[in-house]
Amino acid sequence: MVTVPEIVPISDLRIRQGVVLALLEKGPVILTQHSRARAVLLDIEEWRRIMEELEDLEDALTALQVRATDREPPAPLEEVLAELGLSPKPA
C-alpha cells in the first residue's frame, strides 16, 4: 500500500528540524515553498534502496541491449535477472 507523503513548508524544516526529520520514519516528506512542491526528503536507507534498485534495473537493461545487438531473440526478464544474480521484485 502506498502511503501519502507528508507535506511540510520549507520554513518548518528551518524551525522544527527534529520534528520534520522524525516524519521520515513514515516515508518521504515533500517540502513546499510558496505552496508549491520544491523538494523531497527521504530517509537515507530508503534513498540507498532506491539507488541500488535503479542500478540493478540499469544493469538488466544493458544486458538486454547487448543481447539485442547480438541479434539473438530477447531473453525473458527472469533469465536476465538470474544471470545477474538478481531476483524479480514482488508485484
C-alpha atoms as a PDB file:
ATOM      1  CA  MET A   1       0.000   0.000   0.000  1.00  0.00           C
ATOM      2  CA  VAL A   2       1.362   3.415  -0.964  1.00  0.00           C
ATOM      3  CA  THR A   3       1.325   5.996   1.800  1.00  0.00           C
ATOM      4  CA  VAL A   4       0.639   9.641   1.101  1.00  0.00           C
ATOM      5  CA  PRO A   5       3.791  11.655   1.790  1.00  0.00           C
ATOM      6  CA  GLU A   6       3.791  14.320   4.460  1.00  0.00           C
ATOM      7  CA  ILE A   7       3.733  17.844   3.029  1.00  0.00           C
ATOM      8  CA  VAL A   8       5.697  20.398   5.002  1.00  0.00           C
ATOM      9  CA  PRO A   9       6.507  24.059   4.321  1.00  0.00           C
ATOM     10  CA  ILE A  10      10.251  24.540   3.958  1.00  0.00           C
ATOM     11  CA  SER A  11      10.103  27.095   6.788  1.00  0.00           C
ATOM     12  CA  ASP A  12       9.123  24.222   9.138  1.00  0.00           C
ATOM     13  CA  LEU A  13      12.374  22.466   8.248  1.00  0.00           C
ATOM     14  CA  ARG A  14      14.300  25.515   9.418  1.00  0.00           C
ATOM     15  CA  ILE A  15      12.257  25.945  12.596  1.00  0.00           C
ATOM     16  CA  ARG A  16      11.446  22.325  13.570  1.00  0.00           C
ATOM     17  CA  GLN A  17      14.214  20.206  12.067  1.00  0.00           C
ATOM     18  CA  GLY A  18      13.811  17.373  14.559  1.00  0.00           C
ATOM     19  CA  VAL A  19      10.065  17.100  14.010  1.00  0.00           C
ATOM     20  CA  VAL A  20      10.377  17.146  10.226  1.00  0.00           C
ATOM     21  CA  LEU A  21      13.187  14.577  10.255  1.00  0.00           C
ATOM     22  CA  ALA A  22      11.120  12.333  12.537  1.00  0.00           C
ATOM     23  CA  LEU A  23       8.409  12.315   9.860  1.00  0.00           C
ATOM     24  CA  LEU A  24      10.848  10.423   7.597  1.00  0.00           C
ATOM     25  CA  GLU A  25      10.153   7.285   9.654  1.00  0.00           C
ATOM     26  CA  LYS A  26       6.710   7.204   7.999  1.00  0.00           C
ATOM     27  CA  GLY A  27       8.007   7.843   4.482  1.00  0.00           C
ATOM     28  CA  PRO A  28       9.091  10.675   2.181  1.00  0.00           C
ATOM     29  CA  VAL A  29       8.413  14.295   3.119  1.00  0.00           C
ATOM     30  CA  ILE A  30       7.547  16.808   0.420  1.00  0.00           C
ATOM     31  CA  LEU A  31       8.891  20.287   1.127  1.00  0.00           C
ATOM     32  CA  THR A  32       6.909  23.204  -0.223  1.00  0.00           C
ATOM     33  CA  GLN A  33       7.871  26.798  -0.868  1.00  0.00           C
ATOM     34  CA  HIS A  34       5.156  29.346  -1.574  1.00  0.00           C
ATOM     35  CA  SER A  35       2.619  26.489  -1.575  1.00  0.00           C
ATOM     36  CA  ARG A  36       4.440  24.626  -4.386  1.00  0.00           C
ATOM     37  CA  ALA A  37       6.303  21.341  -4.073  1.00  0.00           C
ATOM     38  CA  ARG A  38      10.036  22.091  -4.262  1.00  0.00           C
ATOM     39  CA  ALA A  39      11.891  19.058  -2.872  1.00  0.00           C
ATOM     40  CA  VAL A  40      11.513  15.580  -1.415  1.00  0.00           C
ATOM     41  CA  LEU A  41      13.269  14.385   1.719  1.00  0.00           C
ATOM     42  CA  LEU A  42      13.953  10.653   2.023  1.00  0.00           C
ATOM     43  CA  ASP A  43      15.340   8.537   4.811  1.00  0.00           C
ATOM     44  CA  ILE A  44      18.916   7.681   3.833  1.00  0.00           C
ATOM     45  CA  GLU A  45      18.220   3.938   3.843  1.00  0.00           C
ATOM     46  CA  GLU A  46      15.246   4.419   1.515  1.00  0.00           C
ATOM     47  CA  TRP A  47      17.424   6.520  -0.814  1.00  0.00           C
ATOM     48  CA  ARG A  48      20.113   3.811  -0.831  1.00  0.00           C
ATOM     49  CA  ARG A  49      17.490   1.135  -1.569  1.00  0.00           C
ATOM     50  CA  ILE A  50      16.139   3.168  -4.490  1.00  0.00           C
ATOM     51  CA  MET A  51      19.641   3.766  -5.873  1.00  0.00           C
ATOM     52  CA  GLU A  52      20.505   0.063  -5.617  1.00  0.00           C
ATOM     53  CA  GLU A  53      17.284  -0.908  -7.396  1.00  0.00           C
ATOM     54  CA  LEU A  54      17.975   1.675 -10.113  1.00  0.00           C
ATOM     55  CA  GLU A  55      21.479   0.278 -10.638  1.00  0.00           C
ATOM     56  CA  ASP A  56      20.043  -3.251 -10.882  1.00  0.00           C
ATOM     57  CA  LEU A  57      17.498  -2.121 -13.461  1.00  0.00           C
ATOM     58  CA  GLU A  58      20.189  -0.303 -15.463  1.00  0.00           C
ATOM     59  CA  ASP A  59      22.311  -3.474 -15.446  1.00  0.00           C
ATOM     60  CA  ALA A  60      19.340  -5.532 -16.637  1.00  0.00           C
ATOM     61  CA  LEU A  61      18.609  -3.009 -19.398  1.00  0.00           C
ATOM     62  CA  THR A  62      22.252  -3.042 -20.507  1.00  0.00           C
ATOM     63  CA  ALA A  63      22.191  -6.841 -20.649  1.00  0.00           C
ATOM     64  CA  LEU A  64      19.033  -6.738 -22.757  1.00  0.00           C
ATOM     65  CA  GLN A  65      20.552  -4.151 -25.103  1.00  0.00           C
ATOM     66  CA  VAL A  66      23.703  -6.256 -25.551  1.00  0.00           C
ATOM     67  CA  ARG A  67      21.586  -9.284 -26.369  1.00  0.00           C
ATOM     68  CA  ALA A  68      19.585  -7.234 -28.888  1.00  0.00           C
ATOM     69  CA  THR A  69      22.754  -6.158 -30.715  1.00  0.00           C
ATOM     70  CA  ASP A  70      23.830  -9.803 -30.929  1.00  0.00           C
ATOM     71  CA  ARG A  71      20.653 -10.417 -32.951  1.00  0.00           C
ATOM     72  CA  GLU A  72      19.596 -13.105 -30.536  1.00  0.00           C
ATOM     73  CA  PRO A  73      15.958 -13.272 -29.582  1.00  0.00           C
ATOM     74  CA  PRO A  74      15.384 -11.385 -26.344  1.00  0.00           C
ATOM     75  CA  ALA A  75      15.679 -13.468 -23.206  1.00  0.00           C
ATOM     76  CA  PRO A  76      12.894 -13.477 -20.662  1.00  0.00           C
ATOM     77  CA  LEU A  77      13.410 -10.931 -17.880  1.00  0.00           C
ATOM     78  CA  GLU A  78      13.609 -13.708 -15.288  1.00  0.00           C
ATOM     79  CA  GLU A  79      16.537 -15.268 -17.160  1.00  0.00           C
ATOM     80  CA  VAL A  80      18.417 -11.967 -17.397  1.00  0.00           C
ATOM     81  CA  LEU A  81      17.856 -11.253 -13.707  1.00  0.00           C
ATOM     82  CA  ALA A  82      19.058 -14.766 -12.814  1.00  0.00           C
ATOM     83  CA  GLU A  83      22.234 -14.233 -14.856  1.00  0.00           C
ATOM     84  CA  LEU A  84      22.843 -11.006 -12.937  1.00  0.00           C
ATOM     85  CA  GLY A  85      22.225 -12.773  -9.628  1.00  0.00           C
ATOM     86  CA  LEU A  86      19.052 -10.794  -9.008  1.00  0.00           C
ATOM     87  CA  SER A  87      15.536 -11.876  -8.173  1.00  0.00           C
ATOM     88  CA  PRO A  88      12.358 -10.325  -9.510  1.00  0.00           C
ATOM     89  CA  LYS A  89      10.711  -7.836  -7.182  1.00  0.00           C
ATOM     90  CA  PRO A  90       7.288  -8.911  -5.890  1.00  0.00           C
ATOM     91  CA  ALA A  91       4.407  -7.043  -7.522  1.00  0.00           C
END
